[in-house]
Amino acid sequence: MISKANSDQKVKTAVFKFTCCAGCQFALLYFFELFPETLELLDFVYFKMATSKELDEPYELAFIEGGISTPEHIEQLKDIRRQAKKLVAFGACAA
């Protein structure tokens, strides 16, 4: 479990898309709409579908959606895993 130093500190979170239709990212956004209190725990430093912000800061939690289908994807995934304390693969394509 990722622990927070205090209740004001949010977990730095990044969401990455690989080979997929992005439907599960839409579902994730809908989840946050249904349960907005979860957003009080997360600070999205990268989520291309939700913001135009580029990845320019570290993150602790990484969500990945989509299949890993190229050698470049493998290297990207390795980089993501090295940085993230926790990595969550979600969606049918990531299974």
PDB file of N, CA and C in Angstrom:
ATOM      1  N   MET A   1       0.839  -1.184   0.000  1.00  0.00           N
ATOM      2  CA  MET A   1       0.000   0.000   0.000  1.00  0.00           C
ATOM      3  C   MET A   1       0.881   1.243   0.000  1.00  0.00           C
ATOM      4  N   ILE A   2       0.491   2.227  -0.745  1.00  0.00           N
ATOM      5  CA  ILE A   2       1.192   3.502  -0.753  1.00  0.00           C
ATOM      6  C   ILE A   2       0.659   4.322   0.399  1.00  0.00           C
ATOM      7  N   SER A   3       1.546   4.719   1.271  1.00  0.00           N
ATOM      8  CA  SER A   3       1.094   5.522   2.405  1.00  0.00           C
ATOM      9  C   SER A   3       1.373   6.988   2.135  1.00  0.00           C
ATOM     10  N   LYS A   4       0.561   7.821   2.725  1.00  0.00           N
ATOM     11  CA  LYS A   4       0.722   9.261   2.570  1.00  0.00           C
ATOM     12  C   LYS A   4       1.346   9.818   3.841  1.00  0.00           C
ATOM     13  N   ALA A   5       2.231  10.801   3.696  1.00  0.00           N
ATOM     14  CA  ALA A   5       2.887  11.401   4.852  1.00  0.00           C
ATOM     15  C   ALA A   5       1.874  12.101   5.746  1.00  0.00           C
ATOM     16  N   ASN A   6       0.906  12.755   5.151  1.00  0.00           N
ATOM     17  CA  ASN A   6      -0.177  13.375   5.917  1.00  0.00           C
ATOM     18  C   ASN A   6      -1.419  13.424   5.043  1.00  0.00           C
ATOM     19  N   SER A   7      -2.520  13.791   5.642  1.00  0.00           N
ATOM     20  CA  SER A   7      -3.791  13.741   4.917  1.00  0.00           C
ATOM     21  C   SER A   7      -3.887  14.768   3.794  1.00  0.00           C
ATOM     22  N   ASP A   8      -2.995  15.768   3.786  1.00  0.00           N
ATOM     23  CA  ASP A   8      -3.023  16.777   2.728  1.00  0.00           C
ATOM     24  C   ASP A   8      -2.230  16.352   1.494  1.00  0.00           C
ATOM     25  N   GLN A   9      -1.397  15.346   1.632  1.00  0.00           N
ATOM     26  CA  GLN A   9      -0.537  14.924   0.534  1.00  0.00           C
ATOM     27  C   GLN A   9      -1.247  13.869  -0.310  1.00  0.00           C
ATOM     28  N   LYS A  10      -1.361  14.131  -1.598  1.00  0.00           N
ATOM     29  CA  LYS A  10      -1.996  13.189  -2.516  1.00  0.00           C
ATOM     30  C   LYS A  10      -0.932  12.291  -3.144  1.00  0.00           C
ATOM     31  N   VAL A  11      -1.346  11.118  -3.580  1.00  0.00           N
ATOM     32  CA  VAL A  11      -0.447  10.185  -4.251  1.00  0.00           C
ATOM     33  C   VAL A  11      -0.260  10.644  -5.694  1.00  0.00           C
ATOM     34  N   LYS A  12       0.981  10.871  -6.090  1.00  0.00           N
ATOM     35  CA  LYS A  12       1.298  11.260  -7.469  1.00  0.00           C
ATOM     36  C   LYS A  12       0.984  10.076  -8.380  1.00  0.00           C
ATOM     37  N   THR A  13       0.110  10.312  -9.349  1.00  0.00           N
ATOM     38  CA  THR A  13      -0.441   9.235 -10.166  1.00  0.00           C
ATOM     39  C   THR A  13      -0.298   9.551 -11.648  1.00  0.00           C
ATOM     40  N   ALA A  14       0.044   8.514 -12.427  1.00  0.00           N
ATOM     41  CA  ALA A  14       0.138   8.654 -13.877  1.00  0.00           C
ATOM     42  C   ALA A  14      -0.691   7.549 -14.531  1.00  0.00           C
ATOM     43  N   VAL A  15      -1.339   7.894 -15.636  1.00  0.00           N
ATOM     44  CA  VAL A  15      -2.144   6.931 -16.395  1.00  0.00           C
ATOM     45  C   VAL A  15      -1.566   6.868 -17.807  1.00  0.00           C
ATOM     46  N   PHE A  16      -1.212   5.658 -18.233  1.00  0.00           N
ATOM     47  CA  PHE A  16      -0.584   5.463 -19.537  1.00  0.00           C
ATOM     48  C   PHE A  16      -1.460   4.582 -20.417  1.00  0.00           C
ATOM     49  N   LYS A  17      -1.460   4.885 -21.713  1.00  0.00           N
ATOM     50  CA  LYS A  17      -2.249   4.146 -22.699  1.00  0.00           C
ATOM     51  C   LYS A  17      -1.303   3.456 -23.670  1.00  0.00           C
ATOM     52  N   PHE A  18      -1.547   2.178 -23.885  1.00  0.00           N
ATOM     53  CA  PHE A  18      -0.797   1.437 -24.889  1.00  0.00           C
ATOM     54  C   PHE A  18      -1.767   1.050 -26.005  1.00  0.00           C
ATOM     55  N   THR A  19      -1.674  -0.137 -26.579  1.00  0.00           N
ATOM     56  CA  THR A  19      -2.530  -0.528 -27.693  1.00  0.00           C
ATOM     57  C   THR A  19      -3.923  -0.897 -27.179  1.00  0.00           C
ATOM     58  N   CYS A  20      -4.888  -0.009 -27.433  1.00  0.00           N
ATOM     59  CA  CYS A  20      -6.245  -0.239 -26.926  1.00  0.00           C
ATOM     60  C   CYS A  20      -7.202   0.768 -27.558  1.00  0.00           C
ATOM     61  N   CYS A  21      -8.466   0.621 -27.208  1.00  0.00           N
ATOM     62  CA  CYS A  21      -9.489   1.534 -27.720  1.00  0.00           C
ATOM     63  C   CYS A  21      -9.708   2.725 -26.791  1.00  0.00           C
ATOM     64  N   ALA A  22      -9.126   2.693 -25.606  1.00  0.00           N
ATOM     65  CA  ALA A  22      -9.234   3.750 -24.589  1.00  0.00           C
ATOM     66  C   ALA A  22     -10.578   3.749 -23.867  1.00  0.00           C
ATOM     67  N   GLY A  23     -11.402   2.758 -24.113  1.00  0.00           N
ATOM     68  CA  GLY A  23     -12.690   2.687 -23.428  1.00  0.00           C
ATOM     69  C   GLY A  23     -12.558   2.553 -21.924  1.00  0.00           C
ATOM     70  N   CYS A  24     -11.539   1.868 -21.474  1.00  0.00           N
ATOM     71  CA  CYS A  24     -11.363   1.685 -20.030  1.00  0.00           C
ATOM     72  C   CYS A  24     -10.903   2.979 -19.362  1.00  0.00           C
ATOM     73  N   GLN A  25     -10.192   3.826 -20.094  1.00  0.00           N
ATOM     74  CA  GLN A  25      -9.857   5.138 -19.535  1.00  0.00           C
ATOM     75  C   GLN A  25     -11.122   5.976 -19.377  1.00  0.00           C
ATOM     76  N   PHE A  26     -12.036   5.865 -20.334  1.00  0.00           N
ATOM     77  CA  PHE A  26     -13.330   6.543 -20.185  1.00  0.00           C
ATOM     78  C   PHE A  26     -14.057   6.020 -18.948  1.00  0.00           C
ATOM     79  N   ALA A  27     -14.000   4.709 -18.747  1.00  0.00           N
ATOM     80  CA  ALA A  27     -14.639   4.116 -17.568  1.00  0.00           C
ATOM     81  C   ALA A  27     -13.980   4.616 -16.286  1.00  0.00           C
ATOM     82  N   LEU A  28     -12.670   4.782 -16.304  1.00  0.00           N
ATOM     83  CA  LEU A  28     -11.965   5.319 -15.137  1.00  0.00           C
ATOM     84  C   LEU A  28     -12.413   6.753 -14.855  1.00  0.00           C
ATOM     85  N   LEU A  29     -12.537   7.558 -15.891  1.00  0.00           N
ATOM     86  CA  LEU A  29     -13.029   8.926 -15.710  1.00  0.00           C
ATOM     87  C   LEU A  29     -14.450   8.922 -15.159  1.00  0.00           C
ATOM     88  N   TYR A  30     -15.270   8.004 -15.647  1.00  0.00           N
ATOM     89  CA  TYR A  30     -16.645   7.897 -15.147  1.00  0.00           C
ATOM     90  C   TYR A  30     -16.650   7.480 -13.674  1.00  0.00           C
ATOM     91  N   PHE A  31     -15.742   6.579 -13.304  1.00  0.00           N
ATOM     92  CA  PHE A  31     -15.611   6.173 -11.903  1.00  0.00           C
ATOM     93  C   PHE A  31     -15.333   7.386 -11.021  1.00  0.00           C
ATOM     94  N   PHE A  32     -14.433   8.251 -11.464  1.00  0.00           N
ATOM     95  CA  PHE A  32     -14.111   9.442 -10.672  1.00  0.00           C
ATOM     96  C   PHE A  32     -15.294  10.407 -10.604  1.00  0.00           C
ATOM     97  N   GLU A  33     -16.122  10.391 -11.641  1.00  0.00           N
ATOM     98  CA  GLU A  33     -17.331  11.215 -11.601  1.00  0.00           C
ATOM     99  C   GLU A  33     -18.320  10.663 -10.571  1.00  0.00           C
ATOM    100  N   LEU A  34     -18.426   9.344 -10.506  1.00  0.00           N
ATOM    101  CA  LEU A  34     -19.334   8.708  -9.547  1.00  0.00           C
ATOM    102  C   LEU A  34     -18.821   8.784  -8.109  1.00  0.00           C
ATOM    103  N   PHE A  35     -17.502   8.716  -7.959  1.00  0.00           N
ATOM    104  CA  PHE A  35     -16.878   8.700  -6.637  1.00  0.00           C
ATOM    105  C   PHE A  35     -15.819   9.801  -6.545  1.00  0.00           C
ATOM    106  N   PRO A  36     -16.229  11.049  -6.568  1.00  0.00           N
ATOM    107  CA  PRO A  36     -15.264  12.157  -6.600  1.00  0.00           C
ATOM    108  C   PRO A  36     -14.362  12.218  -5.372  1.00  0.00           C
ATOM    109  N   GLU A  37     -14.781  11.608  -4.277  1.00  0.00           N
ATOM    110  CA  GLU A  37     -13.941  11.628  -3.080  1.00  0.00           C
ATOM    111  C   GLU A  37     -12.612  10.910  -3.305  1.00  0.00           C
ATOM    112  N   THR A  38     -12.560   9.987  -4.281  1.00  0.00           N
ATOM    113  CA  THR A  38     -11.294   9.314  -4.573  1.00  0.00           C
ATOM    114  C   THR A  38     -10.272  10.289  -5.139  1.00  0.00           C
ATOM    115  N   LEU A  39     -10.733  11.354  -5.769  1.00  0.00           N
ATOM    116  CA  LEU A  39      -9.817  12.357  -6.320  1.00  0.00           C
ATOM    117  C   LEU A  39      -9.092  13.130  -5.228  1.00  0.00           C
ATOM    118  N   GLU A  40      -9.612  13.086  -4.009  1.00  0.00           N
ATOM    119  CA  GLU A  40      -8.941  13.740  -2.891  1.00  0.00           C
ATOM    120  C   GLU A  40      -7.665  13.005  -2.497  1.00  0.00           C
ATOM    121  N   LEU A  41      -7.500  11.779  -2.979  1.00  0.00           N
ATOM    122  CA  LEU A  41      -6.339  10.962  -2.644  1.00  0.00           C
ATOM    123  C   LEU A  41      -5.268  10.967  -3.725  1.00  0.00           C
ATOM    124  N   LEU A  42      -5.631  11.382  -4.938  1.00  0.00           N
ATOM    125  CA  LEU A  42      -4.737  11.258  -6.090  1.00  0.00           C
ATOM    126  C   LEU A  42      -4.414  12.608  -6.708  1.00  0.00           C
ATOM    127  N   ASP A  43      -3.153  12.762  -7.104  1.00  0.00           N
ATOM    128  CA  ASP A  43      -2.706  13.931  -7.857  1.00  0.00           C
ATOM    129  C   ASP A  43      -2.230  13.418  -9.212  1.00  0.00           C
ATOM    130  N   PHE A  44      -3.018  13.650 -10.256  1.00  0.00           N
ATOM    131  CA  PHE A  44      -2.667  13.136 -11.581  1.00  0.00           C
ATOM    132  C   PHE A  44      -1.587  14.006 -12.212  1.00  0.00           C
ATOM    133  N   VAL A  45      -0.389  13.457 -12.288  1.00  0.00           N
ATOM    134  CA  VAL A  45       0.717  14.169 -12.918  1.00  0.00           C
ATOM    135  C   VAL A  45       0.764  13.873 -14.412  1.00  0.00           C
ATOM    136  N   TYR A  46       0.062  12.802 -14.839  1.00  0.00           N
ATOM    137  CA  TYR A  46      -0.025  12.481 -16.262  1.00  0.00           C
ATOM    138  C   TYR A  46      -1.267  11.634 -16.500  1.00  0.00           C
ATOM    139  N   PHE A  47      -2.138  12.120 -17.365  1.00  0.00           N
ATOM    140  CA  PHE A  47      -3.358  11.395 -17.757  1.00  0.00           C
ATOM    141  C   PHE A  47      -3.805  12.053 -19.051  1.00  0.00           C
ATOM    142  N   LYS A  48      -3.255  11.593 -20.163  1.00  0.00           N
ATOM    143  CA  LYS A  48      -3.427  12.249 -21.459  1.00  0.00           C
ATOM    144  C   LYS A  48      -4.892  12.440 -21.842  1.00  0.00           C
ATOM    145  N   MET A  49      -5.758  11.519 -21.463  1.00  0.00           N
ATOM    146  CA  MET A  49      -7.161  11.642 -21.830  1.00  0.00           C
ATOM    147  C   MET A  49      -7.865  12.744 -21.034  1.00  0.00           C
ATOM    148  N   ALA A  50      -7.370  13.030 -19.850  1.00  0.00           N
ATOM    149  CA  ALA A  50      -8.045  13.985 -18.970  1.00  0.00           C
ATOM    150  C   ALA A  50      -7.416  15.374 -18.967  1.00  0.00           C
ATOM    151  N   THR A  51      -6.185  15.480 -19.440  1.00  0.00           N
ATOM    152  CA  THR A  51      -5.495  16.764 -19.391  1.00  0.00           C
ATOM    153  C   THR A  51      -4.438  16.838 -20.486  1.00  0.00           C
ATOM    154  N   SER A  52      -4.046  18.018 -20.849  1.00  0.00           N
ATOM    155  CA  SER A  52      -2.986  18.184 -21.847  1.00  0.00           C
ATOM    156  C   SER A  52      -1.614  18.283 -21.193  1.00  0.00           C
ATOM    157  N   LYS A  53      -1.568  18.142 -19.890  1.00  0.00           N
ATOM    158  CA  LYS A  53      -0.316  18.239 -19.136  1.00  0.00           C
ATOM    159  C   LYS A  53       0.645  17.131 -19.558  1.00  0.00           C
ATOM    160  N   GLU A  54       1.885  17.510 -19.818  1.00  0.00           N
ATOM    161  CA  GLU A  54       2.915  16.537 -20.168  1.00  0.00           C
ATOM    162  C   GLU A  54       3.516  15.949 -18.896  1.00  0.00           C
ATOM    163  N   LEU A  55       4.073  14.770 -19.013  1.00  0.00           N
ATOM    164  CA  LEU A  55       4.703  14.121 -17.872  1.00  0.00           C
ATOM    165  C   LEU A  55       6.034  14.803 -17.595  1.00  0.00           C
ATOM    166  N   ASP A  56       6.102  15.525 -16.491  1.00  0.00           N
ATOM    167  CA  ASP A  56       7.338  16.230 -16.159  1.00  0.00           C
ATOM    168  C   ASP A  56       7.665  16.167 -14.671  1.00  0.00           C
ATOM    169  N   GLU A  57       7.037  15.221 -13.969  1.00  0.00           N
ATOM    170  CA  GLU A  57       7.349  15.047 -12.557  1.00  0.00           C
ATOM    171  C   GLU A  57       7.197  13.584 -12.178  1.00  0.00           C
ATOM    172  N   PRO A  58       7.820  13.180 -11.091  1.00  0.00           N
ATOM    173  CA  PRO A  58       7.759  11.774 -10.686  1.00  0.00           C
ATOM    174  C   PRO A  58       6.367  11.361 -10.235  1.00  0.00           C
ATOM    175  N   TYR A  59       6.144  10.068 -10.207  1.00  0.00           N
ATOM    176  CA  TYR A  59       4.862   9.517  -9.772  1.00  0.00           C
ATOM    177  C   TYR A  59       5.118   8.268  -8.944  1.00  0.00           C
ATOM    178  N   GLU A  60       4.170   7.950  -8.073  1.00  0.00           N
ATOM    179  CA  GLU A  60       4.261   6.768  -7.219  1.00  0.00           C
ATOM    180  C   GLU A  60       3.380   5.633  -7.721  1.00  0.00           C
ATOM    181  N   LEU A  61       2.251   5.999  -8.301  1.00  0.00           N
ATOM    182  CA  LEU A  61       1.246   5.041  -8.739  1.00  0.00           C
ATOM    183  C   LEU A  61       1.048   5.190 -10.237  1.00  0.00           C
ATOM    184  N   ALA A  62       1.118   4.072 -10.957  1.00  0.00           N
ATOM    185  CA  ALA A  62       0.913   4.104 -12.406  1.00  0.00           C
ATOM    186  C   ALA A  62      -0.196   3.135 -12.785  1.00  0.00           C
ATOM    187  N   PHE A  63      -1.122   3.626 -13.590  1.00  0.00           N
ATOM    188  CA  PHE A  63      -2.152   2.795 -14.201  1.00  0.00           C
ATOM    189  C   PHE A  63      -1.770   2.629 -15.663  1.00  0.00           C
ATOM    190  N   ILE A  64      -1.882   1.406 -16.176  1.00  0.00           N
ATOM    191  CA  ILE A  64      -1.667   1.204 -17.607  1.00  0.00           C
ATOM    192  C   ILE A  64      -2.890   0.525 -18.192  1.00  0.00           C
ATOM    193  N   GLU A  65      -3.247   0.976 -19.382  1.00  0.00           N
ATOM    194  CA  GLU A  65      -4.339   0.374 -20.137  1.00  0.00           C
ATOM    195  C   GLU A  65      -3.790  -0.034 -21.485  1.00  0.00           C
ATOM    196  N   GLY A  66      -4.203  -1.192 -21.956  1.00  0.00           N
ATOM    197  CA  GLY A  66      -3.836  -1.610 -23.294  1.00  0.00           C
ATOM    198  C   GLY A  66      -2.807  -2.718 -23.319  1.00  0.00           C
ATOM    199  N   GLY A  67      -2.717  -3.322 -24.484  1.00  0.00           N
ATOM    200  CA  GLY A  67      -1.764  -4.398 -24.689  1.00  0.00           C
ATOM    201  C   GLY A  67      -0.379  -3.861 -24.986  1.00  0.00           C
ATOM    202  N   ILE A  68       0.617  -4.623 -24.588  1.00  0.00           N
ATOM    203  CA  ILE A  68       2.012  -4.285 -24.873  1.00  0.00           C
ATOM    204  C   ILE A  68       2.351  -5.029 -26.159  1.00  0.00           C
ATOM    205  N   SER A  69       2.405  -4.293 -27.276  1.00  0.00           N
ATOM    206  CA  SER A  69       2.450  -4.959 -28.578  1.00  0.00           C
ATOM    207  C   SER A  69       3.683  -4.657 -29.416  1.00  0.00           C
ATOM    208  N   THR A  70       4.609  -3.858 -28.904  1.00  0.00           N
ATOM    209  CA  THR A  70       5.821  -3.552 -29.661  1.00  0.00           C
ATOM    210  C   THR A  70       7.026  -3.585 -28.721  1.00  0.00           C
ATOM    211  N   PRO A  71       8.212  -3.737 -29.266  1.00  0.00           N
ATOM    212  CA  PRO A  71       9.409  -3.661 -28.418  1.00  0.00           C
ATOM    213  C   PRO A  71       9.520  -2.309 -27.688  1.00  0.00           C
ATOM    214  N   GLU A  72       9.064  -1.243 -28.333  1.00  0.00           N
ATOM    215  CA  GLU A  72       9.083   0.076 -27.690  1.00  0.00           C
ATOM    216  C   GLU A  72       8.164   0.104 -26.473  1.00  0.00           C
ATOM    217  N   HIS A  73       7.009  -0.541 -26.585  1.00  0.00           N
ATOM    218  CA  HIS A  73       6.086  -0.630 -25.450  1.00  0.00           C
ATOM    219  C   HIS A  73       6.734  -1.358 -24.275  1.00  0.00           C
ATOM    220  N   ILE A  74       7.474  -2.422 -24.579  1.00  0.00           N
ATOM    221  CA  ILE A  74       8.151  -3.172 -23.516  1.00  0.00           C
ATOM    222  C   ILE A  74       9.111  -2.256 -22.768  1.00  0.00           C
ATOM    223  N   GLU A  75       9.892  -1.476 -23.501  1.00  0.00           N
ATOM    224  CA  GLU A  75      10.843  -0.563 -22.855  1.00  0.00           C
ATOM    225  C   GLU A  75      10.123   0.530 -22.071  1.00  0.00           C
ATOM    226  N   GLN A  76       9.042   1.065 -22.632  1.00  0.00           N
ATOM    227  CA  GLN A  76       8.261   2.076 -21.908  1.00  0.00           C
ATOM    228  C   GLN A  76       7.700   1.501 -20.618  1.00  0.00           C
ATOM    229  N   LEU A  77       7.173   0.290 -20.691  1.00  0.00           N
ATOM    230  CA  LEU A  77       6.608  -0.345 -19.507  1.00  0.00           C
ATOM    231  C   LEU A  77       7.682  -0.585 -18.448  1.00  0.00           C
ATOM    232  N   LYS A  78       8.859  -1.001 -18.864  1.00  0.00           N
ATOM    233  CA  LYS A  78       9.962  -1.189 -17.913  1.00  0.00           C
ATOM    234  C   LYS A  78      10.312   0.124 -17.226  1.00  0.00           C
ATOM    235  N   ASP A  79      10.351   1.213 -17.990  1.00  0.00           N
ATOM    236  CA  ASP A  79      10.635   2.532 -17.403  1.00  0.00           C
ATOM    237  C   ASP A  79       9.552   2.938 -16.407  1.00  0.00           C
ATOM    238  N   ILE A  80       8.302   2.714 -16.781  1.00  0.00           N
ATOM    239  CA  ILE A  80       7.184   3.045 -15.887  1.00  0.00           C
ATOM    240  C   ILE A  80       7.305   2.242 -14.597  1.00  0.00           C
ATOM    241  N   ARG A  81       7.582   0.955 -14.724  1.00  0.00           N
ATOM    242  CA  ARG A  81       7.666   0.091 -13.541  1.00  0.00           C
ATOM    243  C   ARG A  81       8.828   0.482 -12.638  1.00  0.00           C
ATOM    244  N   ARG A  82       9.945   0.889 -13.229  1.00  0.00           N
ATOM    245  CA  ARG A  82      11.091   1.320 -12.417  1.00  0.00           C
ATOM    246  C   ARG A  82      10.727   2.509 -11.541  1.00  0.00           C
ATOM    247  N   GLN A  83       9.933   3.400 -12.067  1.00  0.00           N
ATOM    248  CA  GLN A  83       9.596   4.617 -11.331  1.00  0.00           C
ATOM    249  C   GLN A  83       8.460   4.420 -10.337  1.00  0.00           C
ATOM    250  N   ALA A  84       7.452   3.664 -10.708  1.00  0.00           N
ATOM    251  CA  ALA A  84       6.249   3.541  -9.881  1.00  0.00           C
ATOM    252  C   ALA A  84       6.472   2.605  -8.699  1.00  0.00           C
ATOM    253  N   LYS A  85       5.949   3.009  -7.542  1.00  0.00           N
ATOM    254  CA  LYS A  85       5.952   2.102  -6.393  1.00  0.00           C
ATOM    255  C   LYS A  85       4.915   1.008  -6.600  1.00  0.00           C
ATOM    256  N   LYS A  86       3.809   1.373  -7.240  1.00  0.00           N
ATOM    257  CA  LYS A  86       2.743   0.421  -7.556  1.00  0.00           C
ATOM    258  C   LYS A  86       2.348   0.600  -9.015  1.00  0.00           C
ATOM    259  N   LEU A  87       2.116  -0.521  -9.691  1.00  0.00           N
ATOM    260  CA  LEU A  87       1.694  -0.520 -11.089  1.00  0.00           C
ATOM    261  C   LEU A  87       0.398  -1.313 -11.186  1.00  0.00           C
ATOM    262  N   VAL A  88      -0.620  -0.701 -11.786  1.00  0.00           N
ATOM    263  CA  VAL A  88      -1.924  -1.340 -11.927  1.00  0.00           C
ATOM    264  C   VAL A  88      -2.259  -1.433 -13.408  1.00  0.00           C
ATOM    265  N   ALA A  89      -2.413  -2.660 -13.908  1.00  0.00           N
ATOM    266  CA  ALA A  89      -2.887  -2.867 -15.272  1.00  0.00           C
ATOM    267  C   ALA A  89      -4.400  -3.021 -15.190  1.00  0.00           C
ATOM    268  N   PHE A  90      -5.117  -2.238 -15.991  1.00  0.00           N
ATOM    269  CA  PHE A  90      -6.579  -2.323 -15.934  1.00  0.00           C
ATOM    270  C   PHE A  90      -7.161  -2.388 -17.327  1.00  0.00           C
ATOM    271  N   GLY A  91      -8.333  -3.007 -17.414  1.00  0.00           N
ATOM    272  CA  GLY A  91      -9.031  -3.124 -18.682  1.00  0.00           C
ATOM    273  C   GLY A  91      -8.784  -4.461 -19.351  1.00  0.00           C
ATOM    274  N   ALA A  92      -9.663  -4.787 -20.278  1.00  0.00           N
ATOM    275  CA  ALA A  92      -9.587  -6.064 -20.978  1.00  0.00           C
ATOM    276  C   ALA A  92      -8.316  -6.186 -21.808  1.00  0.00           C
ATOM    277  N   CYS A  93      -7.886  -5.114 -22.435  1.00  0.00           N
ATOM    278  CA  CYS A  93      -6.698  -5.163 -23.290  1.00  0.00           C
ATOM    279  C   CYS A  93      -5.410  -5.332 -22.492  1.00  0.00           C
ATOM    280  N   ALA A  94      -5.417  -4.936 -21.240  1.00  0.00           N
ATOM    281  CA  ALA A  94      -4.218  -5.035 -20.404  1.00  0.00           C
ATOM    282  C   ALA A  94      -4.107  -6.392 -19.720  1.00  0.00           C
ATOM    283  N   ALA A  95      -5.141  -7.207 -19.861  1.00  0.00           N
ATOM    284  CA  ALA A  95      -5.146  -8.508 -19.162  1.00  0.00           C
ATOM    285  C   ALA A  95      -4.145  -9.471 -19.766  1.00  0.00           C
TER     286      ALA A  95
END
